[in-house]
Amino acid sequence: MSFSRVYSAQTHLLKGKIVTVEVDITKNTLHAFTLVGLPDKAVDESKDRMSSALKNSGFRSPKSQNQKIVISLSPADLKKEGPYFDLAIALAYLLSAEEIDFDPKGKIFLGELSLNGELQPIKGVLPLTEQAMKLGYKEIFVPIINASEAALVKGITVYGARSLKEVIDHVSKIHYDRKGNPIEKETKKISPQKPTEIVHKDTVHDIDFSDIKGQESAKRGLEIAAAGGHNIALSGPPGTGKTMLARVFSHILPELGNDEILEITGIHSIVGLLEDTLVTEPPFRAPHHTASYVSMIGGGTNPKPGEVTLAHKGVLFLDEFPEFEKRVLEALRQPLEDNIVSISRARGSAIFPSNFILVAAMNPCPCGNKGNKDKACICRPNDLEKYVRRISGPIIDRIDLWVTVGNVDYRKLSDEVVRSEKTHTIKARVKAARYLQEKRFANSKRKIKTNSEMNVKDLGSMVKLSKEVRDLLDDSAERLALSARAYHRVIKIARTIADLENSPEVQANHILEAIQYRPKVNS
């Protein structure tokens, strides 16, 4: 046999893409070694990794023989990136060179080869395994370190291997010597990886809500934001606890469902941020205000996800909110409104999920002392105007709750008796409110889960306001000059406040509290 075909895969956007590895060998000719199919540098270098790995695994190096080798990775119009194909290329070469014999049908081979033949871990194993299972492949071979991640997928047999030789000994009963004579080898089977079960762990956090003294209005705003999935902005002088409040906020969010765990784990695996087998808690992303547009929103020549996607189903915390590049802030419009981010490039476009809760923290002015009773603001009027203009009206409109975080009395900070509610108490109320929303949206065709995801049509059919409440809302909206978007967001927040109180109807007090969270500027 001079031709062989073996199957591998690579990540493409946030999904897996099956790649067919074909090898053709022409013997007794001048040596040539070609790899085609739009390979990047890492893929092209697999020729050298594979050659050394074969030599150190007891086989002849492809570079030591007079033969023409052509390796094709198809589909040819898909850019091949990363070291996913090393193992498949090595096995396809050995098949073509008639040094081993096995049937590659129904099998996927993934893994980077070190020079001594060991298998190194790769990114994105979970979505690759999911795609292989969906397309009917029965077995997948991955590096041993990635095996537990791949075993999250049911319906496909996962084999975790430590080296190229382990895989060869498992799939091939017969090896051939240099004269082409068959040598029957004792089969050394790799044990299938046991299915990895999704276990929800009880995480102990360093900081509890009760550790934060004072700031009861901010805590109330964060509770509402968590219950309804609303975006929130915290504004106040430096040192008042805005960052600490934002960090404990993720602790009161409900646990992720199994499907959400797999989705988020797959995203983090593709990007290479997977520290454990599973991401079982809502992600918390806190990029620095100097972060670039691409790192925040996603993009690149071949589109990759950014922070807004890494925060999917979790929290995106933007400290020093007005200090972010204006282009970055304006790009938040789509994910804040539609829960997705669309990226278009010359080589293609991508739509990434971006359903997160935005927690923005900011000072009231450049010096941070505007409105501070104890310290005077030293900002010039021109500086104040520029600072306010950094956040546009459309972005202000898309943030549901605006909360002022003021200075805390020093006596409260030192008073050990002053203790607010613990995290688990607040989380219980949040989960109860989320449960009411799940029941409300159970028959929704759009599969929404939280009040923040409702559109105008949903508000009309699912949130009925009495004439008294509607008149109060209309009068307040006219007095505050609310935009149509802000008007509807007030209704969503009021519905969440009602859910926290287990109230079937939105009452006047719910509307009044919701209006209090609108920014004290014209939006």
Protein backbone atom coordinates (compact mmCIF):
# COMPACT_ATOMS: atom_id res chain seq x y z
CA MET A 1 0.00 0.00 0.00
CA SER A 2 1.38 3.40 -0.96
CA PHE A 3 -1.74 5.39 -0.08
CA SER A 4 -3.59 5.65 3.25
CA ARG A 5 -6.29 7.73 4.87
CA VAL A 6 -6.58 8.43 8.61
CA TYR A 7 -8.93 10.81 10.43
CA SER A 8 -8.15 13.64 12.81
CA ALA A 9 -9.78 16.94 13.81
CA GLN A 10 -9.10 20.54 14.77
CA THR A 11 -11.07 23.35 16.34
CA HIS A 12 -12.74 25.83 14.02
CA LEU A 13 -14.30 28.85 15.75
CA LEU A 14 -15.98 27.19 18.77
CA LYS A 15 -16.66 23.81 17.19
CA GLY A 16 -14.75 20.78 16.02
CA LYS A 17 -13.95 20.12 12.37
CA ILE A 18 -12.99 16.68 11.11
CA VAL A 19 -9.80 16.67 9.03
CA THR A 20 -8.85 13.79 6.76
CA VAL A 21 -5.11 13.00 6.67
CA GLU A 22 -4.04 11.35 3.40
CA VAL A 23 -0.53 10.09 2.71
CA ASP A 24 0.88 8.95 -0.63
CA ILE A 25 4.40 7.48 -0.94
CA THR A 26 6.39 6.97 -4.16
CA LYS A 27 9.43 4.80 -3.52
CA ASN A 28 12.83 4.65 -5.25
CA THR A 29 12.93 8.29 -6.22
CA LEU A 30 14.64 11.44 -5.03
CA HIS A 31 13.65 12.31 -1.48
CA ALA A 32 10.82 14.85 -1.14
CA PHE A 33 8.51 15.56 1.76
CA THR A 34 5.47 17.78 1.09
CA LEU A 35 2.57 18.75 3.34
CA VAL A 36 -0.41 20.46 1.65
CA GLY A 37 -3.83 21.72 2.76
CA LEU A 38 -3.25 25.27 4.05
CA PRO A 39 -1.00 24.30 6.99
CA ASP A 40 0.30 26.97 9.37
CA LYS A 41 3.85 26.87 10.74
CA ALA A 42 2.96 24.56 13.64
CA VAL A 43 1.35 22.05 11.25
CA ASP A 44 4.20 22.23 8.73
CA GLU A 45 6.72 21.50 11.50
CA SER A 46 4.87 18.26 12.28
CA LYS A 47 6.99 16.66 9.54
CA ASP A 48 10.07 17.03 11.74
CA ARG A 49 8.30 16.05 14.98
CA MET A 50 6.79 13.00 13.33
CA SER A 51 10.09 11.88 11.78
CA SER A 52 11.95 12.01 15.09
CA ALA A 53 9.07 10.39 16.97
CA LEU A 54 9.00 7.46 14.53
CA LYS A 55 12.77 7.01 14.74
CA ASN A 56 12.65 6.96 18.55
CA SER A 57 9.70 4.54 18.54
CA GLY A 58 11.54 1.81 16.66
CA PHE A 59 10.59 2.70 13.07
CA ARG A 60 12.55 4.12 10.16
CA SER A 61 12.58 7.88 9.81
CA PRO A 62 10.79 9.09 6.65
CA LYS A 63 13.73 11.41 5.99
CA SER A 64 16.27 8.59 5.80
CA GLN A 65 14.82 7.00 2.67
CA ASN A 66 14.72 7.83 -1.02
CA GLN A 67 11.01 8.37 -1.50
CA LYS A 68 8.52 11.09 -2.28
CA ILE A 69 5.99 11.68 0.50
CA VAL A 70 2.87 13.80 -0.01
CA ILE A 71 0.66 14.50 3.00
CA SER A 72 -2.69 16.12 2.31
CA LEU A 73 -4.98 17.60 4.96
CA SER A 74 -8.54 18.03 3.74
CA PRO A 75 -10.76 19.96 3.35
CA ALA A 76 -8.08 21.89 1.49
CA ASP A 77 -9.76 25.28 1.91
CA LEU A 78 -9.75 25.11 5.74
CA LYS A 79 -6.77 26.76 7.42
CA LYS A 80 -5.00 24.07 9.48
CA GLU A 81 -3.66 25.34 12.78
CA GLY A 82 -1.87 23.80 15.74
CA PRO A 83 -0.31 20.42 16.47
CA TYR A 84 -3.55 18.40 16.39
CA PHE A 85 -2.52 16.13 13.49
CA ASP A 86 0.89 14.76 14.55
CA LEU A 87 -0.45 11.39 15.71
CA ALA A 88 -2.71 10.92 12.68
CA ILE A 89 0.09 11.87 10.26
CA ALA A 90 2.49 9.38 11.86
CA LEU A 91 -0.05 6.53 11.68
CA ALA A 92 -1.05 7.39 8.10
CA TYR A 93 2.61 7.39 7.07
CA LEU A 94 3.25 3.97 8.68
CA LEU A 95 0.18 2.58 6.88
CA SER A 96 1.38 3.90 3.51
CA ALA A 97 4.91 2.67 4.16
CA GLU A 98 3.42 -0.76 4.99
CA GLU A 99 5.11 -0.89 8.38
CA ILE A 100 1.85 -1.46 10.29
CA ASP A 101 -1.62 -2.67 9.36
CA PHE A 102 -4.96 -1.57 10.83
CA ASP A 103 -8.37 -0.30 9.76
CA PRO A 104 -8.68 3.45 10.52
CA LYS A 105 -12.40 3.58 9.72
CA GLY A 106 -14.48 5.01 12.54
CA LYS A 107 -11.44 6.20 14.50
CA ILE A 108 -10.18 9.72 15.28
CA PHE A 109 -6.55 10.35 16.28
CA LEU A 110 -5.51 13.54 18.10
CA GLY A 111 -2.28 14.61 19.71
CA GLU A 112 1.03 16.42 19.44
CA LEU A 113 4.16 14.26 19.29
CA SER A 114 7.33 15.08 21.19
CA LEU A 115 10.61 14.06 19.57
CA ASN A 116 10.80 10.86 21.63
CA GLY A 117 7.28 9.79 20.63
CA GLU A 118 5.38 10.87 23.73
CA LEU A 119 1.95 12.44 23.26
CA GLN A 120 1.55 16.01 24.45
CA PRO A 121 -1.83 17.58 25.42
CA ILE A 122 -3.78 19.75 22.99
CA LYS A 123 -6.53 22.38 23.25
CA GLY A 124 -10.21 21.92 22.55
CA VAL A 125 -10.53 18.17 23.07
CA LEU A 126 -14.12 18.41 24.36
CA PRO A 127 -15.69 20.06 21.26
CA LEU A 128 -13.56 17.82 19.00
CA THR A 129 -14.87 14.70 20.73
CA GLU A 130 -18.45 16.01 20.57
CA GLN A 131 -18.15 16.56 16.82
CA ALA A 132 -16.63 13.11 16.26
CA MET A 133 -19.50 11.49 18.19
CA LYS A 134 -22.14 13.46 16.24
CA LEU A 135 -20.63 12.34 12.93
CA GLY A 136 -20.75 8.66 13.93
CA TYR A 137 -17.12 7.92 14.83
CA LYS A 138 -16.88 5.09 17.35
CA GLU A 139 -13.40 5.60 18.88
CA ILE A 140 -11.14 8.54 19.61
CA PHE A 141 -7.48 8.45 20.68
CA VAL A 142 -6.20 11.42 22.65
CA PRO A 143 -3.20 12.22 24.90
CA ILE A 144 -3.66 10.73 28.37
CA ILE A 145 -3.85 14.21 29.95
CA ASN A 146 -6.87 15.06 27.77
CA ALA A 147 -8.66 11.74 28.29
CA SER A 148 -10.88 12.72 31.21
CA GLU A 149 -12.02 15.83 29.30
CA ALA A 150 -12.88 13.78 26.21
CA ALA A 151 -14.73 11.24 28.38
CA LEU A 152 -17.34 13.88 29.23
CA VAL A 153 -18.90 13.02 25.87
CA LYS A 154 -21.18 9.99 25.91
CA GLY A 155 -21.58 7.70 22.90
CA ILE A 156 -17.94 7.37 21.84
CA THR A 157 -15.12 5.23 23.26
CA VAL A 158 -12.19 7.32 24.49
CA TYR A 159 -8.63 5.98 24.67
CA GLY A 160 -5.99 7.99 26.50
CA ALA A 161 -2.46 7.18 25.30
CA ARG A 162 0.95 8.21 26.60
CA SER A 163 2.92 7.65 23.41
CA LEU A 164 2.80 6.89 19.70
CA LYS A 165 3.99 3.35 20.39
CA GLU A 166 1.08 2.72 22.77
CA VAL A 167 -1.38 3.67 20.03
CA ILE A 168 0.40 1.53 17.43
CA ASP A 169 0.49 -1.50 19.74
CA HIS A 170 -3.24 -1.05 20.38
CA VAL A 171 -4.47 -0.72 16.78
CA SER A 172 -2.00 -2.92 14.87
CA LYS A 173 -1.50 -6.64 15.46
CA ILE A 174 1.07 -6.92 12.67
CA HIS A 175 4.26 -4.94 12.14
CA TYR A 176 6.57 -5.36 9.15
CA ASP A 177 10.33 -5.59 9.11
CA ARG A 178 12.53 -3.62 6.70
CA LYS A 179 12.18 -6.36 4.06
CA GLY A 180 8.38 -6.25 4.25
CA ASN A 181 8.00 -9.50 6.15
CA PRO A 182 5.09 -9.52 8.66
CA ILE A 183 5.93 -9.79 12.35
CA GLU A 184 3.01 -10.62 14.58
CA LYS A 185 3.16 -8.62 17.78
CA GLU A 186 1.48 -9.26 21.09
CA THR A 187 -1.45 -6.86 21.28
CA LYS A 188 -1.23 -4.38 24.12
CA LYS A 189 -4.66 -2.88 24.42
CA ILE A 190 -5.24 0.53 26.01
CA SER A 191 -8.04 0.45 28.56
CA PRO A 192 -10.96 2.70 27.56
CA GLN A 193 -11.32 5.84 29.64
CA LYS A 194 -14.17 5.62 32.13
CA PRO A 195 -16.93 8.22 31.49
CA THR A 196 -16.31 11.45 33.39
CA GLU A 197 -19.29 12.42 35.50
CA ILE A 198 -20.27 16.04 36.05
CA VAL A 199 -19.96 16.73 39.78
CA HIS A 200 -21.08 20.03 41.27
CA LYS A 201 -18.54 20.98 43.92
CA ASP A 202 -19.27 23.12 46.97
CA THR A 203 -16.62 25.80 46.65
CA VAL A 204 -15.44 27.68 49.73
CA HIS A 205 -14.72 31.31 48.85
CA ASP A 206 -12.24 33.56 50.61
CA ILE A 207 -14.63 36.50 50.85
CA ASP A 208 -18.26 36.37 51.97
CA PHE A 209 -20.90 39.05 51.49
CA SER A 210 -21.05 39.40 55.25
CA ASP A 211 -17.38 40.44 55.28
CA ILE A 212 -18.28 43.67 53.46
CA LYS A 213 -19.39 46.27 56.00
CA GLY A 214 -22.10 48.70 54.97
CA GLN A 215 -22.97 49.26 51.27
CA GLU A 216 -26.41 47.77 51.74
CA SER A 217 -27.85 49.58 48.70
CA ALA A 218 -25.04 48.20 46.51
CA LYS A 219 -25.64 44.69 47.85
CA ARG A 220 -29.34 45.04 47.10
CA GLY A 221 -28.54 46.12 43.54
CA LEU A 222 -26.21 43.17 43.06
CA GLU A 223 -28.86 40.77 44.35
CA ILE A 224 -31.37 42.11 41.82
CA ALA A 225 -28.76 41.89 39.06
CA ALA A 226 -28.00 38.25 39.92
CA ALA A 227 -31.67 37.29 40.18
CA GLY A 228 -32.65 38.67 36.78
CA GLY A 229 -29.36 38.54 34.88
CA HIS A 230 -29.20 42.35 34.69
CA ASN A 231 -26.14 44.45 33.93
CA ILE A 232 -25.04 46.75 36.74
CA ALA A 233 -22.68 49.72 37.21
CA LEU A 234 -21.10 50.67 40.55
CA SER A 235 -20.05 54.29 40.87
CA GLY A 236 -18.20 55.77 43.82
CA PRO A 237 -14.92 57.14 45.18
CA PRO A 238 -11.78 54.97 45.27
CA GLY A 239 -11.52 52.54 48.17
CA THR A 240 -15.23 52.14 48.86
CA GLY A 241 -15.31 48.41 48.01
CA LYS A 242 -16.50 48.40 44.37
CA THR A 243 -13.97 45.76 43.31
CA MET A 244 -14.65 43.54 46.32
CA LEU A 245 -18.39 43.76 45.71
CA ALA A 246 -17.92 42.77 42.07
CA ARG A 247 -15.79 39.77 42.99
CA VAL A 248 -18.24 38.36 45.54
CA PHE A 249 -21.10 38.97 43.08
CA SER A 250 -20.29 35.82 41.11
CA HIS A 251 -20.68 33.76 44.32
CA ILE A 252 -24.44 34.45 44.53
CA LEU A 253 -25.15 33.34 40.96
CA PRO A 254 -26.99 30.00 40.65
CA GLU A 255 -25.02 26.87 39.80
CA LEU A 256 -24.55 26.06 36.14
CA GLY A 257 -26.62 23.32 34.52
CA ASN A 258 -24.91 20.32 32.93
CA ASP A 259 -25.36 21.63 29.38
CA GLU A 260 -23.96 25.01 30.44
CA ILE A 261 -20.96 23.34 32.08
CA LEU A 262 -20.14 21.46 28.88
CA GLU A 263 -20.60 24.58 26.73
CA ILE A 264 -18.37 26.76 28.90
CA THR A 265 -15.78 24.02 29.40
CA GLY A 266 -15.58 23.62 25.61
CA ILE A 267 -15.00 27.36 25.11
CA HIS A 268 -12.26 27.50 27.74
CA SER A 269 -10.68 24.32 26.37
CA ILE A 270 -10.43 25.80 22.86
CA VAL A 271 -8.77 28.96 24.15
CA GLY A 272 -6.40 26.93 26.35
CA LEU A 273 -7.63 28.25 29.70
CA LEU A 274 -8.93 24.96 31.08
CA GLU A 275 -7.17 24.41 34.41
CA ASP A 276 -9.35 21.52 35.58
CA THR A 277 -11.47 18.95 33.79
CA LEU A 278 -14.60 21.08 34.15
CA VAL A 279 -15.69 24.67 34.58
CA THR A 280 -18.44 24.13 37.15
CA GLU A 281 -18.89 27.72 38.38
CA PRO A 282 -20.00 30.81 36.43
CA PRO A 283 -16.85 32.33 34.86
CA PHE A 284 -15.53 35.60 36.27
CA ARG A 285 -13.47 37.62 33.80
CA ALA A 286 -11.79 40.87 34.81
CA PRO A 287 -9.67 42.26 31.93
CA HIS A 288 -7.50 45.32 32.54
CA HIS A 289 -8.70 48.63 31.10
CA THR A 290 -5.75 48.61 28.67
CA ALA A 291 -7.06 45.43 27.00
CA SER A 292 -7.14 45.62 23.21
CA TYR A 293 -10.24 45.46 21.05
CA VAL A 294 -9.43 41.95 19.77
CA SER A 295 -8.72 40.55 23.24
CA MET A 296 -12.02 41.95 24.52
CA ILE A 297 -14.41 41.35 21.63
CA GLY A 298 -12.60 38.62 19.70
CA GLY A 299 -11.26 38.57 16.17
CA GLY A 300 -7.96 38.10 14.41
CA THR A 301 -7.21 36.81 10.91
CA ASN A 302 -8.95 33.58 11.86
CA PRO A 303 -11.60 34.75 14.38
CA LYS A 304 -10.97 33.74 17.98
CA PRO A 305 -13.21 34.42 21.00
CA GLY A 306 -12.47 37.32 23.33
CA GLU A 307 -13.30 38.18 26.93
CA VAL A 308 -17.00 38.75 26.18
CA THR A 309 -17.23 35.09 25.11
CA LEU A 310 -15.01 33.75 27.89
CA ALA A 311 -17.45 35.40 30.32
CA HIS A 312 -20.42 33.56 28.72
CA LYS A 313 -22.90 32.45 31.42
CA GLY A 314 -20.85 34.33 34.00
CA VAL A 315 -19.60 37.79 34.90
CA LEU A 316 -17.58 40.33 32.92
CA PHE A 317 -16.12 42.81 35.40
CA LEU A 318 -14.80 46.02 33.87
CA ASP A 319 -13.03 48.07 36.53
CA GLU A 320 -12.24 51.70 35.66
CA PHE A 321 -15.03 51.43 33.08
CA PRO A 322 -14.58 54.87 31.39
CA GLU A 323 -10.84 54.21 30.96
CA PHE A 324 -11.44 51.43 28.43
CA GLU A 325 -10.84 52.33 24.81
CA LYS A 326 -13.96 53.96 23.37
CA ARG A 327 -13.97 51.50 20.46
CA VAL A 328 -14.12 48.63 22.97
CA LEU A 329 -16.97 50.16 24.94
CA GLU A 330 -19.03 50.82 21.81
CA ALA A 331 -18.47 47.24 20.65
CA LEU A 332 -20.25 46.05 23.80
CA ARG A 333 -23.55 47.22 22.34
CA GLN A 334 -24.29 43.98 20.47
CA PRO A 335 -23.40 41.47 23.23
CA LEU A 336 -25.26 43.53 25.85
CA GLU A 337 -28.38 43.63 23.67
CA ASP A 338 -28.36 40.32 21.78
CA ASN A 339 -26.11 38.08 23.95
CA ILE A 340 -23.91 37.30 20.95
CA VAL A 341 -20.98 38.95 19.23
CA SER A 342 -20.64 38.89 15.45
CA ILE A 343 -17.15 39.16 13.96
CA SER A 344 -16.56 39.63 10.22
CA ARG A 345 -13.17 39.31 8.57
CA ALA A 346 -11.91 38.94 5.00
CA ARG A 347 -11.39 35.20 5.54
CA GLY A 348 -14.78 34.60 7.11
CA SER A 349 -17.20 35.57 9.83
CA ALA A 350 -18.10 34.12 13.20
CA ILE A 351 -20.87 34.44 15.76
CA PHE A 352 -19.79 33.72 19.33
CA PRO A 353 -22.08 33.42 22.37
CA SER A 354 -21.75 36.34 24.82
CA ASN A 355 -24.52 35.98 27.38
CA PHE A 356 -22.87 37.50 30.46
CA ILE A 357 -23.73 39.89 33.27
CA LEU A 358 -21.71 43.09 33.00
CA VAL A 359 -20.48 44.57 36.26
CA ALA A 360 -18.89 47.96 35.58
CA ALA A 361 -17.06 49.94 38.27
CA MET A 362 -16.11 53.57 37.91
CA ASN A 363 -15.12 56.68 39.82
CA PRO A 364 -17.52 59.64 39.68
CA CYS A 365 -14.78 61.83 38.14
CA PRO A 366 -11.09 61.58 37.14
CA CYS A 367 -9.86 62.44 40.65
CA GLY A 368 -12.56 60.27 42.23
CA ASN A 369 -13.80 62.81 44.77
CA LYS A 370 -16.84 64.33 43.10
CA GLY A 371 -19.68 64.25 45.63
CA ASN A 372 -17.32 63.20 48.43
CA LYS A 373 -18.19 65.01 51.68
CA ASP A 374 -14.70 64.59 53.11
CA LYS A 375 -12.52 65.45 50.11
CA ALA A 376 -12.77 68.21 47.52
CA CYS A 377 -12.93 67.42 43.80
CA ILE A 378 -9.98 69.01 41.96
CA CYS A 379 -11.18 68.22 38.43
CA ARG A 380 -11.61 71.05 35.96
CA PRO A 381 -15.02 71.44 34.27
CA ASN A 382 -13.48 70.45 30.95
CA ASP A 383 -12.06 67.25 32.48
CA LEU A 384 -15.42 66.37 33.99
CA GLU A 385 -17.19 66.84 30.65
CA LYS A 386 -14.67 64.64 28.83
CA TYR A 387 -14.98 61.96 31.51
CA VAL A 388 -18.76 61.84 31.24
CA ARG A 389 -18.62 61.68 27.43
CA ARG A 390 -16.47 58.55 27.48
CA ILE A 391 -19.59 56.48 28.09
CA SER A 392 -22.15 56.98 25.35
CA GLY A 393 -25.91 57.14 25.81
CA PRO A 394 -26.52 53.76 24.10
CA ILE A 395 -24.14 52.05 26.54
CA ILE A 396 -25.73 53.80 29.53
CA ASP A 397 -29.12 52.61 28.26
CA ARG A 398 -27.94 49.00 28.10
CA ILE A 399 -26.84 48.92 31.75
CA ASP A 400 -29.94 48.18 33.81
CA LEU A 401 -28.88 49.20 37.30
CA TRP A 402 -26.74 52.19 38.34
CA VAL A 403 -25.73 52.06 41.98
CA THR A 404 -23.80 54.63 43.99
CA VAL A 405 -21.19 53.17 46.34
CA GLY A 406 -20.40 55.80 48.95
CA ASN A 407 -17.85 56.06 51.73
CA VAL A 408 -18.48 53.86 54.77
CA ASP A 409 -18.44 55.29 58.28
CA TYR A 410 -15.18 54.28 59.99
CA ARG A 411 -17.09 53.15 63.06
CA LYS A 412 -18.91 50.54 60.96
CA LEU A 413 -15.62 49.22 59.63
CA SER A 414 -14.33 48.53 63.14
CA ASP A 415 -17.62 47.38 64.64
CA GLU A 416 -17.59 43.59 64.87
CA VAL A 417 -21.32 43.52 65.65
CA VAL A 418 -22.30 44.99 62.27
CA ARG A 419 -22.71 41.93 60.06
CA SER A 420 -24.84 41.72 56.94
CA GLU A 421 -26.36 38.64 55.34
CA LYS A 422 -24.11 35.81 54.31
CA THR A 423 -23.55 34.79 50.69
CA HIS A 424 -25.56 31.56 50.94
CA THR A 425 -28.62 33.45 52.28
CA ILE A 426 -28.61 35.89 49.36
CA LYS A 427 -27.90 33.09 46.90
CA ALA A 428 -30.95 31.16 48.14
CA ARG A 429 -33.21 34.13 47.31
CA VAL A 430 -31.55 34.51 43.91
CA LYS A 431 -32.11 30.83 43.11
CA ALA A 432 -35.77 31.07 44.19
CA ALA A 433 -36.29 34.06 41.88
CA ARG A 434 -34.56 32.26 39.01
CA TYR A 435 -36.85 29.26 39.56
CA LEU A 436 -39.92 31.49 39.14
CA GLN A 437 -38.47 32.82 35.90
CA GLU A 438 -37.77 29.31 34.58
CA LYS A 439 -41.42 28.39 35.18
CA ARG A 440 -42.56 31.61 33.49
CA PHE A 441 -40.45 31.02 30.39
CA ALA A 442 -40.86 27.23 30.23
CA ASN A 443 -42.98 27.45 27.07
CA SER A 444 -41.05 30.28 25.44
CA LYS A 445 -39.99 29.48 21.89
CA ARG A 446 -36.82 31.60 22.31
CA LYS A 447 -35.62 29.45 25.26
CA ILE A 448 -34.93 32.41 27.52
CA LYS A 449 -34.21 31.87 31.21
CA THR A 450 -34.01 35.29 32.87
CA ASN A 451 -36.02 38.50 32.92
CA SER A 452 -33.19 40.44 31.29
CA GLU A 453 -33.55 38.33 28.14
CA MET A 454 -37.17 39.32 27.51
CA ASN A 455 -37.90 41.35 24.40
CA VAL A 456 -40.79 43.79 23.84
CA LYS A 457 -43.12 41.00 22.76
CA ASP A 458 -42.29 38.94 25.86
CA LEU A 459 -42.94 41.94 28.10
CA GLY A 460 -46.36 42.43 26.53
CA SER A 461 -47.40 38.81 27.02
CA MET A 462 -45.68 37.87 30.28
CA VAL A 463 -45.58 41.04 32.38
CA LYS A 464 -49.06 42.45 32.86
CA LEU A 465 -49.19 45.85 34.59
CA SER A 466 -52.32 47.24 36.21
CA LYS A 467 -53.56 50.66 35.07
CA GLU A 468 -52.33 52.26 38.29
CA VAL A 469 -48.84 50.79 37.89
CA ARG A 470 -48.72 51.61 34.18
CA ASP A 471 -49.70 55.25 34.84
CA LEU A 472 -46.99 55.53 37.50
CA LEU A 473 -44.41 54.14 35.10
CA ASP A 474 -45.49 56.44 32.25
CA ASP A 475 -45.39 59.52 34.46
CA SER A 476 -41.92 58.62 35.74
CA ALA A 477 -40.63 57.87 32.25
CA GLU A 478 -41.84 61.25 30.99
CA ARG A 479 -40.34 63.11 33.95
CA LEU A 480 -36.96 61.32 33.59
CA ALA A 481 -37.00 61.42 29.75
CA LEU A 482 -36.38 57.69 29.51
CA SER A 483 -35.66 56.19 26.12
CA ALA A 484 -37.83 53.32 24.90
CA ARG A 485 -35.05 50.87 25.78
CA ALA A 486 -34.68 52.29 29.30
CA TYR A 487 -38.48 52.21 29.73
CA HIS A 488 -38.59 48.49 28.98
CA ARG A 489 -35.58 47.80 31.19
CA VAL A 490 -37.38 49.41 34.14
CA ILE A 491 -40.20 46.89 33.63
CA LYS A 492 -37.73 44.00 33.55
CA ILE A 493 -36.04 45.15 36.76
CA ALA A 494 -39.43 45.62 38.46
CA ARG A 495 -40.40 42.09 37.43
CA THR A 496 -37.18 40.76 39.01
CA ILE A 497 -37.81 42.70 42.23
CA ALA A 498 -41.30 41.17 42.33
CA ASP A 499 -39.80 37.70 41.83
CA LEU A 500 -37.45 38.23 44.76
CA GLU A 501 -40.53 38.97 46.87
CA ASN A 502 -42.42 36.03 45.34
CA SER A 503 -45.07 38.47 44.12
CA PRO A 504 -47.15 37.28 41.14
CA GLU A 505 -47.86 40.87 40.05
CA VAL A 506 -45.60 43.89 39.59
CA GLN A 507 -46.63 46.45 42.21
CA ALA A 508 -46.10 50.21 42.37
CA ASN A 509 -43.29 49.86 44.93
CA HIS A 510 -41.44 47.53 42.54
CA ILE A 511 -41.63 50.16 39.79
CA LEU A 512 -40.46 52.90 42.14
CA GLU A 513 -37.46 50.87 43.29
CA ALA A 514 -36.58 49.96 39.70
CA ILE A 515 -36.64 53.64 38.67
CA GLN A 516 -34.20 54.44 41.48
CA TYR A 517 -31.57 52.38 39.66
CA ARG A 518 -31.64 54.46 36.50
CA PRO A 519 -28.62 56.78 36.08
CA LYS A 520 -29.01 60.32 37.37
CA VAL A 521 -28.26 61.68 33.90
CA ASN A 522 -30.26 61.95 30.72
CA SER A 523 -29.75 58.74 28.78
